[in-house]
Amino acid sequence: GDLAGFRPIRAIAGATYLLTDGPQDVPASAAQPVII
């Protein structure tokens, strides 16, 4: 209901949702937060 400013990256297998905050779609080396 509330993305709280995080950006959707991808939906996987119809059951998993990835979000981040930052320009990278595949964040590397903890450069951005990841929400699973």
PDB file of all heavy atoms in Angstrom:
ATOM      1  N   GLY A   1       0.793  -1.220   0.000  1.00  0.00           N
ATOM      2  CA  GLY A   1       0.000   0.000   0.000  1.00  0.00           C
ATOM      3  C   GLY A   1       0.826   1.272   0.000  1.00  0.00           C
ATOM      4  O   GLY A   1       0.374   2.306  -0.484  1.00  0.00           O
ATOM      5  N   ASP A   2       2.058   1.206   0.552  1.00  0.00           N
ATOM      6  CA  ASP A   2       2.897   2.393   0.673  1.00  0.00           C
ATOM      7  C   ASP A   2       4.332   2.004   0.324  1.00  0.00           C
ATOM      8  O   ASP A   2       4.993   1.285   1.075  1.00  0.00           O
ATOM      9  CB  ASP A   2       2.823   2.932   2.109  1.00  0.00           C
ATOM     10  CG  ASP A   2       3.617   4.218   2.311  1.00  0.00           C
ATOM     11  OD1 ASP A   2       4.318   4.653   1.367  1.00  0.00           O
ATOM     12  OD2 ASP A   2       3.542   4.785   3.427  1.00  0.00           O
ATOM     13  N   LEU A   3       4.824   2.479  -0.819  1.00  0.00           N
ATOM     14  CA  LEU A   3       6.191   2.159  -1.239  1.00  0.00           C
ATOM     15  C   LEU A   3       7.235   2.910  -0.426  1.00  0.00           C
ATOM     16  O   LEU A   3       8.426   2.576  -0.503  1.00  0.00           O
ATOM     17  CB  LEU A   3       6.384   2.471  -2.728  1.00  0.00           C
ATOM     18  CG  LEU A   3       5.577   1.627  -3.715  1.00  0.00           C
ATOM     19  CD1 LEU A   3       5.882   2.061  -5.153  1.00  0.00           C
ATOM     20  CD2 LEU A   3       5.879   0.142  -3.546  1.00  0.00           C
ATOM     21  N   ALA A   4       6.815   3.902   0.321  1.00  0.00           N
ATOM     22  CA  ALA A   4       7.706   4.651   1.213  1.00  0.00           C
ATOM     23  C   ALA A   4       8.935   5.202   0.486  1.00  0.00           C
ATOM     24  O   ALA A   4      10.011   5.322   1.068  1.00  0.00           O
ATOM     25  CB  ALA A   4       8.149   3.761   2.384  1.00  0.00           C
ATOM     26  N   GLY A   5       8.771   5.537  -0.773  1.00  0.00           N
ATOM     27  CA  GLY A   5       9.858   6.125  -1.542  1.00  0.00           C
ATOM     28  C   GLY A   5      10.798   5.131  -2.185  1.00  0.00           C
ATOM     29  O   GLY A   5      11.722   5.529  -2.908  1.00  0.00           O
ATOM     30  N   PHE A   6      10.584   3.831  -1.974  1.00  0.00           N
ATOM     31  CA  PHE A   6      11.421   2.827  -2.624  1.00  0.00           C
ATOM     32  C   PHE A   6      10.932   2.586  -4.052  1.00  0.00           C
ATOM     33  O   PHE A   6       9.755   2.776  -4.365  1.00  0.00           O
ATOM     34  CB  PHE A   6      11.412   1.519  -1.830  1.00  0.00           C
ATOM     35  CG  PHE A   6      12.123   1.612  -0.517  1.00  0.00           C
ATOM     36  CD1 PHE A   6      11.410   1.775   0.667  1.00  0.00           C
ATOM     37  CD2 PHE A   6      13.510   1.544  -0.457  1.00  0.00           C
ATOM     38  CE1 PHE A   6      12.064   1.874   1.879  1.00  0.00           C
ATOM     39  CE2 PHE A   6      14.175   1.646   0.760  1.00  0.00           C
ATOM     40  CZ  PHE A   6      13.454   1.807   1.928  1.00  0.00           C
ATOM     41  N   ARG A   7      11.859   2.167  -4.906  1.00  0.00           N
ATOM     42  CA  ARG A   7      11.567   1.995  -6.332  1.00  0.00           C
ATOM     43  C   ARG A   7      11.481   0.517  -6.701  1.00  0.00           C
ATOM     44  O   ARG A   7      12.397  -0.245  -6.434  1.00  0.00           O
ATOM     45  CB  ARG A   7      12.665   2.669  -7.162  1.00  0.00           C
ATOM     46  CG  ARG A   7      12.503   2.520  -8.673  1.00  0.00           C
ATOM     47  CD  ARG A   7      13.526   3.370  -9.407  1.00  0.00           C
ATOM     48  NE  ARG A   7      14.902   2.920  -9.187  1.00  0.00           N
ATOM     49  CZ  ARG A   7      15.507   1.953  -9.884  1.00  0.00           C
ATOM     50  NH1 ARG A   7      14.845   1.310 -10.841  1.00  0.00           N
ATOM     51  NH2 ARG A   7      16.760   1.617  -9.632  1.00  0.00           N
ATOM     52  N   PRO A   8      10.373   0.084  -7.332  1.00  0.00           N
ATOM     53  CA  PRO A   8      10.278  -1.304  -7.781  1.00  0.00           C
ATOM     54  C   PRO A   8      11.348  -1.618  -8.831  1.00  0.00           C
ATOM     55  O   PRO A   8      11.603  -0.807  -9.732  1.00  0.00           O
ATOM     56  CB  PRO A   8       8.875  -1.391  -8.387  1.00  0.00           C
ATOM     57  CG  PRO A   8       8.113  -0.270  -7.757  1.00  0.00           C
ATOM     58  CD  PRO A   8       9.116   0.829  -7.568  1.00  0.00           C
ATOM     59  N   ILE A   9      11.957  -2.804  -8.713  1.00  0.00           N
ATOM     60  CA  ILE A   9      12.939  -3.258  -9.696  1.00  0.00           C
ATOM     61  C   ILE A   9      12.368  -4.388 -10.546  1.00  0.00           C
ATOM     62  O   ILE A   9      12.401  -4.347 -11.764  1.00  0.00           O
ATOM     63  CB  ILE A   9      14.228  -3.796  -9.018  1.00  0.00           C
ATOM     64  CG1 ILE A   9      14.850  -2.775  -8.105  1.00  0.00           C
ATOM     65  CG2 ILE A   9      15.229  -4.237 -10.085  1.00  0.00           C
ATOM     66  CD1 ILE A   9      16.011  -3.333  -7.299  1.00  0.00           C
ATOM     67  N   ARG A  10      11.821  -5.410  -9.858  1.00  0.00           N
ATOM     68  CA  ARG A  10      11.427  -6.600 -10.594  1.00  0.00           C
ATOM     69  C   ARG A  10      10.478  -7.451  -9.768  1.00  0.00           C
ATOM     70  O   ARG A  10      10.530  -7.458  -8.545  1.00  0.00           O
ATOM     71  CB  ARG A  10      12.661  -7.434 -10.959  1.00  0.00           C
ATOM     72  CG  ARG A  10      12.392  -8.551 -11.957  1.00  0.00           C
ATOM     73  CD  ARG A  10      13.702  -9.154 -12.456  1.00  0.00           C
ATOM     74  NE  ARG A  10      13.453 -10.138 -13.489  1.00  0.00           N
ATOM     75  CZ  ARG A  10      13.365  -9.860 -14.782  1.00  0.00           C
ATOM     76  NH1 ARG A  10      13.515  -8.622 -15.183  1.00  0.00           N
ATOM     77  NH2 ARG A  10      13.125 -10.811 -15.671  1.00  0.00           N
ATOM     78  N   ALA A  11       9.590  -8.176 -10.469  1.00  0.00           N
ATOM     79  CA  ALA A  11       8.790  -9.236  -9.866  1.00  0.00           C
ATOM     80  C   ALA A  11       9.342 -10.565 -10.383  1.00  0.00           C
ATOM     81  O   ALA A  11       9.662 -10.689 -11.563  1.00  0.00           O
ATOM     82  CB  ALA A  11       7.321  -9.090 -10.247  1.00  0.00           C
ATOM     83  N   ILE A  12       9.491 -11.541  -9.513  1.00  0.00           N
ATOM     84  CA  ILE A  12      10.110 -12.819  -9.868  1.00  0.00           C
ATOM     85  C   ILE A  12       9.158 -13.961  -9.532  1.00  0.00           C
ATOM     86  O   ILE A  12       8.634 -14.044  -8.422  1.00  0.00           O
ATOM     87  CB  ILE A  12      11.441 -13.033  -9.117  1.00  0.00           C
ATOM     88  CG1 ILE A  12      12.440 -11.929  -9.475  1.00  0.00           C
ATOM     89  CG2 ILE A  12      12.039 -14.398  -9.419  1.00  0.00           C
ATOM     90  CD1 ILE A  12      13.736 -12.002  -8.701  1.00  0.00           C
ATOM     91  N   ALA A  13       8.959 -14.836 -10.511  1.00  0.00           N
ATOM     92  CA  ALA A  13       8.228 -16.091 -10.315  1.00  0.00           C
ATOM     93  C   ALA A  13       6.809 -15.902  -9.793  1.00  0.00           C
ATOM     94  O   ALA A  13       6.234 -16.808  -9.203  1.00  0.00           O
ATOM     95  CB  ALA A  13       9.005 -17.018  -9.370  1.00  0.00           C
ATOM     96  N   GLY A  14       6.224 -14.731 -10.012  1.00  0.00           N
ATOM     97  CA  GLY A  14       4.853 -14.501  -9.594  1.00  0.00           C
ATOM     98  C   GLY A  14       4.654 -14.466  -8.099  1.00  0.00           C
ATOM     99  O   GLY A  14       3.516 -14.483  -7.614  1.00  0.00           O
ATOM    100  N   ALA A  15       5.763 -14.404  -7.311  1.00  0.00           N
ATOM    101  CA  ALA A  15       5.620 -14.462  -5.869  1.00  0.00           C
ATOM    102  C   ALA A  15       6.620 -13.600  -5.115  1.00  0.00           C
ATOM    103  O   ALA A  15       6.514 -13.480  -3.902  1.00  0.00           O
ATOM    104  CB  ALA A  15       5.752 -15.911  -5.393  1.00  0.00           C
ATOM    105  N   THR A  16       7.596 -13.017  -5.808  1.00  0.00           N
ATOM    106  CA  THR A  16       8.654 -12.255  -5.151  1.00  0.00           C
ATOM    107  C   THR A  16       8.792 -10.887  -5.819  1.00  0.00           C
ATOM    108  O   THR A  16       8.678 -10.768  -7.026  1.00  0.00           O
ATOM    109  CB  THR A  16       9.994 -13.016  -5.227  1.00  0.00           C
ATOM    110  OG1 THR A  16       9.833 -14.301  -4.610  1.00  0.00           O
ATOM    111  CG2 THR A  16      11.097 -12.261  -4.511  1.00  0.00           C
ATOM    112  N   TYR A  17       9.064  -9.885  -5.003  1.00  0.00           N
ATOM    113  CA  TYR A  17       9.074  -8.489  -5.448  1.00  0.00           C
ATOM    114  C   TYR A  17      10.347  -7.845  -4.913  1.00  0.00           C
ATOM    115  O   TYR A  17      10.653  -7.944  -3.726  1.00  0.00           O
ATOM    116  CB  TYR A  17       7.821  -7.834  -4.863  1.00  0.00           C
ATOM    117  CG  TYR A  17       7.463  -6.438  -5.287  1.00  0.00           C
ATOM    118  CD1 TYR A  17       8.020  -5.810  -6.404  1.00  0.00           C
ATOM    119  CD2 TYR A  17       6.514  -5.722  -4.549  1.00  0.00           C
ATOM    120  CE1 TYR A  17       7.643  -4.524  -6.755  1.00  0.00           C
ATOM    121  CE2 TYR A  17       6.123  -4.437  -4.901  1.00  0.00           C
ATOM    122  CZ  TYR A  17       6.692  -3.840  -6.001  1.00  0.00           C
ATOM    123  OH  TYR A  17       6.321  -2.572  -6.353  1.00  0.00           O
ATOM    124  N   LEU A  18      11.117  -7.198  -5.795  1.00  0.00           N
ATOM    125  CA  LEU A  18      12.349  -6.526  -5.400  1.00  0.00           C
ATOM    126  C   LEU A  18      12.196  -5.019  -5.555  1.00  0.00           C
ATOM    127  O   LEU A  18      11.655  -4.542  -6.547  1.00  0.00           O
ATOM    128  CB  LEU A  18      13.523  -6.997  -6.265  1.00  0.00           C
ATOM    129  CG  LEU A  18      13.860  -8.489  -6.288  1.00  0.00           C
ATOM    130  CD1 LEU A  18      15.099  -8.728  -7.154  1.00  0.00           C
ATOM    131  CD2 LEU A  18      14.075  -9.024  -4.898  1.00  0.00           C
ATOM    132  N   LEU A  19      12.710  -4.271  -4.572  1.00  0.00           N
ATOM    133  CA  LEU A  19      12.699  -2.811  -4.615  1.00  0.00           C
ATOM    134  C   LEU A  19      14.047  -2.288  -4.132  1.00  0.00           C
ATOM    135  O   LEU A  19      14.805  -2.992  -3.460  1.00  0.00           O
ATOM    136  CB  LEU A  19      11.596  -2.248  -3.729  1.00  0.00           C
ATOM    137  CG  LEU A  19      10.159  -2.708  -3.982  1.00  0.00           C
ATOM    138  CD1 LEU A  19       9.792  -3.854  -3.050  1.00  0.00           C
ATOM    139  CD2 LEU A  19       9.167  -1.573  -3.796  1.00  0.00           C
ATOM    140  N   THR A  20      14.338  -1.039  -4.465  1.00  0.00           N
ATOM    141  CA  THR A  20      15.573  -0.413  -4.024  1.00  0.00           C
ATOM    142  C   THR A  20      15.350   1.092  -3.886  1.00  0.00           C
ATOM    143  O   THR A  20      14.251   1.595  -4.088  1.00  0.00           O
ATOM    144  CB  THR A  20      16.726  -0.717  -5.007  1.00  0.00           C
ATOM    145  OG1 THR A  20      17.962  -0.293  -4.435  1.00  0.00           O
ATOM    146  CG2 THR A  20      16.520  -0.017  -6.348  1.00  0.00           C
ATOM    147  N   ASP A  21      16.429   1.795  -3.582  1.00  0.00           N
ATOM    148  CA  ASP A  21      16.423   3.257  -3.582  1.00  0.00           C
ATOM    149  C   ASP A  21      17.754   3.676  -4.189  1.00  0.00           C
ATOM    150  O   ASP A  21      18.800   3.538  -3.549  1.00  0.00           O
ATOM    151  CB  ASP A  21      16.281   3.801  -2.162  1.00  0.00           C
ATOM    152  CG  ASP A  21      16.142   5.317  -2.136  1.00  0.00           C
ATOM    153  OD1 ASP A  21      16.529   5.969  -3.132  1.00  0.00           O
ATOM    154  OD2 ASP A  21      15.669   5.849  -1.118  1.00  0.00           O
ATOM    155  N   GLY A  22      17.710   4.155  -5.428  1.00  0.00           N
ATOM    156  CA  GLY A  22      18.926   4.514  -6.137  1.00  0.00           C
ATOM    157  C   GLY A  22      18.821   4.153  -7.601  1.00  0.00           C
ATOM    158  O   GLY A  22      17.854   3.524  -8.032  1.00  0.00           O
ATOM    159  N   PRO A  23      19.812   4.525  -8.401  1.00  0.00           N
ATOM    160  CA  PRO A  23      19.713   4.373  -9.851  1.00  0.00           C
ATOM    161  C   PRO A  23      19.980   2.965 -10.372  1.00  0.00           C
ATOM    162  O   PRO A  23      19.568   2.637 -11.479  1.00  0.00           O
ATOM    163  CB  PRO A  23      20.782   5.341 -10.376  1.00  0.00           C
ATOM    164  CG  PRO A  23      21.807   5.381  -9.276  1.00  0.00           C
ATOM    165  CD  PRO A  23      21.017   5.290  -8.006  1.00  0.00           C
ATOM    166  N   GLN A  24      20.674   2.133  -9.594  1.00  0.00           N
ATOM    167  CA  GLN A  24      21.054   0.810 -10.098  1.00  0.00           C
ATOM    168  C   GLN A  24      19.892  -0.176  -9.983  1.00  0.00           C
ATOM    169  O   GLN A  24      19.254  -0.279  -8.931  1.00  0.00           O
ATOM    170  CB  GLN A  24      22.257   0.267  -9.330  1.00  0.00           C
ATOM    171  CG  GLN A  24      23.520   1.094  -9.437  1.00  0.00           C
ATOM    172  CD  GLN A  24      24.648   0.501  -8.619  1.00  0.00           C
ATOM    173  OE1 GLN A  24      24.734  -0.699  -8.402  1.00  0.00           O
ATOM    174  NE2 GLN A  24      25.545   1.356  -8.144  1.00  0.00           N
ATOM    175  N   ASP A  25      19.642  -0.916 -11.079  1.00  0.00           N
ATOM    176  CA  ASP A  25      18.620  -1.957 -11.028  1.00  0.00           C
ATOM    177  C   ASP A  25      19.157  -3.251 -10.433  1.00  0.00           C
ATOM    178  O   ASP A  25      18.384  -4.083  -9.944  1.00  0.00           O
ATOM    179  CB  ASP A  25      18.069  -2.242 -12.437  1.00  0.00           C
ATOM    180  CG  ASP A  25      17.133  -1.149 -12.915  1.00  0.00           C
ATOM    181  OD1 ASP A  25      16.697  -0.331 -12.070  1.00  0.00           O
ATOM    182  OD2 ASP A  25      16.846  -1.096 -14.123  1.00  0.00           O
ATOM    183  N   VAL A  26      20.463  -3.454 -10.494  1.00  0.00           N
ATOM    184  CA  VAL A  26      21.109  -4.604  -9.859  1.00  0.00           C
ATOM    185  C   VAL A  26      22.198  -4.052  -8.949  1.00  0.00           C
ATOM    186  O   VAL A  26      23.369  -3.980  -9.339  1.00  0.00           O
ATOM    187  CB  VAL A  26      21.695  -5.580 -10.893  1.00  0.00           C
ATOM    188  CG1 VAL A  26      22.286  -6.805 -10.191  1.00  0.00           C
ATOM    189  CG2 VAL A  26      20.627  -6.015 -11.890  1.00  0.00           C
ATOM    190  N   PRO A  27      21.846  -3.621  -7.758  1.00  0.00           N
ATOM    191  CA  PRO A  27      22.828  -3.001  -6.869  1.00  0.00           C
ATOM    192  C   PRO A  27      23.994  -3.934  -6.577  1.00  0.00           C
ATOM    193  O   PRO A  27      23.810  -5.125  -6.357  1.00  0.00           O
ATOM    194  CB  PRO A  27      22.019  -2.714  -5.596  1.00  0.00           C
ATOM    195  CG  PRO A  27      20.606  -2.644  -6.061  1.00  0.00           C
ATOM    196  CD  PRO A  27      20.505  -3.631  -7.178  1.00  0.00           C
ATOM    197  N   ALA A  28      25.202  -3.395  -6.582  1.00  0.00           N
ATOM    198  CA  ALA A  28      26.398  -4.197  -6.347  1.00  0.00           C
ATOM    199  C   ALA A  28      27.100  -3.733  -5.083  1.00  0.00           C
ATOM    200  O   ALA A  28      27.145  -2.535  -4.779  1.00  0.00           O
ATOM    201  CB  ALA A  28      27.338  -4.087  -7.543  1.00  0.00           C
ATOM    202  N   SER A  29      27.646  -4.713  -4.353  1.00  0.00           N
ATOM    203  CA  SER A  29      28.470  -4.424  -3.172  1.00  0.00           C
ATOM    204  C   SER A  29      27.777  -3.492  -2.182  1.00  0.00           C
ATOM    205  O   SER A  29      28.371  -2.545  -1.668  1.00  0.00           O
ATOM    206  CB  SER A  29      29.812  -3.827  -3.607  1.00  0.00           C
ATOM    207  OG  SER A  29      30.500  -4.704  -4.463  1.00  0.00           O
ATOM    208  N   ALA A  30      26.505  -3.764  -1.919  1.00  0.00           N
ATOM    209  CA  ALA A  30      25.724  -3.003  -0.936  1.00  0.00           C
ATOM    210  C   ALA A  30      25.668  -1.515  -1.251  1.00  0.00           C
ATOM    211  O   ALA A  30      25.527  -0.680  -0.357  1.00  0.00           O
ATOM    212  CB  ALA A  30      26.277  -3.227   0.478  1.00  0.00           C
ATOM    213  N   ALA A  31      25.786  -1.164  -2.532  1.00  0.00           N
ATOM    214  CA  ALA A  31      25.763   0.239  -2.924  1.00  0.00           C
ATOM    215  C   ALA A  31      24.410   0.878  -2.670  1.00  0.00           C
ATOM    216  O   ALA A  31      24.316   2.089  -2.462  1.00  0.00           O
ATOM    217  CB  ALA A  31      26.133   0.374  -4.396  1.00  0.00           C
ATOM    218  N   GLN A  32      23.340   0.092  -2.700  1.00  0.00           N
ATOM    219  CA  GLN A  32      21.988   0.585  -2.471  1.00  0.00           C
ATOM    220  C   GLN A  32      21.248  -0.394  -1.572  1.00  0.00           C
ATOM    221  O   GLN A  32      21.575  -1.585  -1.541  1.00  0.00           O
ATOM    222  CB  GLN A  32      21.222   0.711  -3.801  1.00  0.00           C
ATOM    223  CG  GLN A  32      21.778   1.739  -4.747  1.00  0.00           C
ATOM    224  CD  GLN A  32      21.100   1.720  -6.119  1.00  0.00           C
ATOM    225  OE1 GLN A  32      21.548   2.377  -7.035  1.00  0.00           O
ATOM    226  NE2 GLN A  32      20.024   0.953  -6.261  1.00  0.00           N
ATOM    227  N   PRO A  33      20.225   0.082  -0.867  1.00  0.00           N
ATOM    228  CA  PRO A  33      19.391  -0.844  -0.093  1.00  0.00           C
ATOM    229  C   PRO A  33      18.602  -1.747  -1.032  1.00  0.00           C
ATOM    230  O   PRO A  33      18.258  -1.351  -2.156  1.00  0.00           O
ATOM    231  CB  PRO A  33      18.449   0.093   0.672  1.00  0.00           C
ATOM    232  CG  PRO A  33      18.370   1.311  -0.181  1.00  0.00           C
ATOM    233  CD  PRO A  33      19.745   1.465  -0.791  1.00  0.00           C
ATOM    234  N   VAL A  34      18.336  -2.953  -0.589  1.00  0.00           N
ATOM    235  CA  VAL A  34      17.488  -3.873  -1.338  1.00  0.00           C
ATOM    236  C   VAL A  34      16.380  -4.362  -0.424  1.00  0.00           C
ATOM    237  O   VAL A  34      16.630  -4.737   0.725  1.00  0.00           O
ATOM    238  CB  VAL A  34      18.292  -5.075  -1.874  1.00  0.00           C
ATOM    239  CG1 VAL A  34      17.357  -6.152  -2.410  1.00  0.00           C
ATOM    240  CG2 VAL A  34      19.240  -4.631  -2.974  1.00  0.00           C
ATOM    241  N   ILE A  35      15.153  -4.324  -0.926  1.00  0.00           N
ATOM    242  CA  ILE A  35      14.012  -4.904  -0.227  1.00  0.00           C
ATOM    243  C   ILE A  35      13.519  -6.093  -1.037  1.00  0.00           C
ATOM    244  O   ILE A  35      13.310  -5.992  -2.256  1.00  0.00           O
ATOM    245  CB  ILE A  35      12.878  -3.880  -0.043  1.00  0.00           C
ATOM    246  CG1 ILE A  35      13.308  -2.786   0.924  1.00  0.00           C
ATOM    247  CG2 ILE A  35      11.601  -4.562   0.466  1.00  0.00           C
ATOM    248  CD1 ILE A  35      12.292  -1.686   1.099  1.00  0.00           C
ATOM    249  N   ILE A  36      13.362  -7.221  -0.369  1.00  0.00           N
ATOM    250  CA  ILE A  36      12.856  -8.444  -0.987  1.00  0.00           C
ATOM    251  C   ILE A  36      11.546  -8.787  -0.296  1.00  0.00           C
ATOM    252  O   ILE A  36      11.515  -8.935   0.927  1.00  0.00           O
ATOM    253  CB  ILE A  36      13.854  -9.609  -0.826  1.00  0.00           C
ATOM    254  CG1 ILE A  36      15.225  -9.234  -1.380  1.00  0.00           C
ATOM    255  CG2 ILE A  36      13.316 -10.873  -1.509  1.00  0.00           C
ATOM    256  CD1 ILE A  36      16.342 -10.134  -0.905  1.00  0.00           C
TER     257      ILE A  36
END
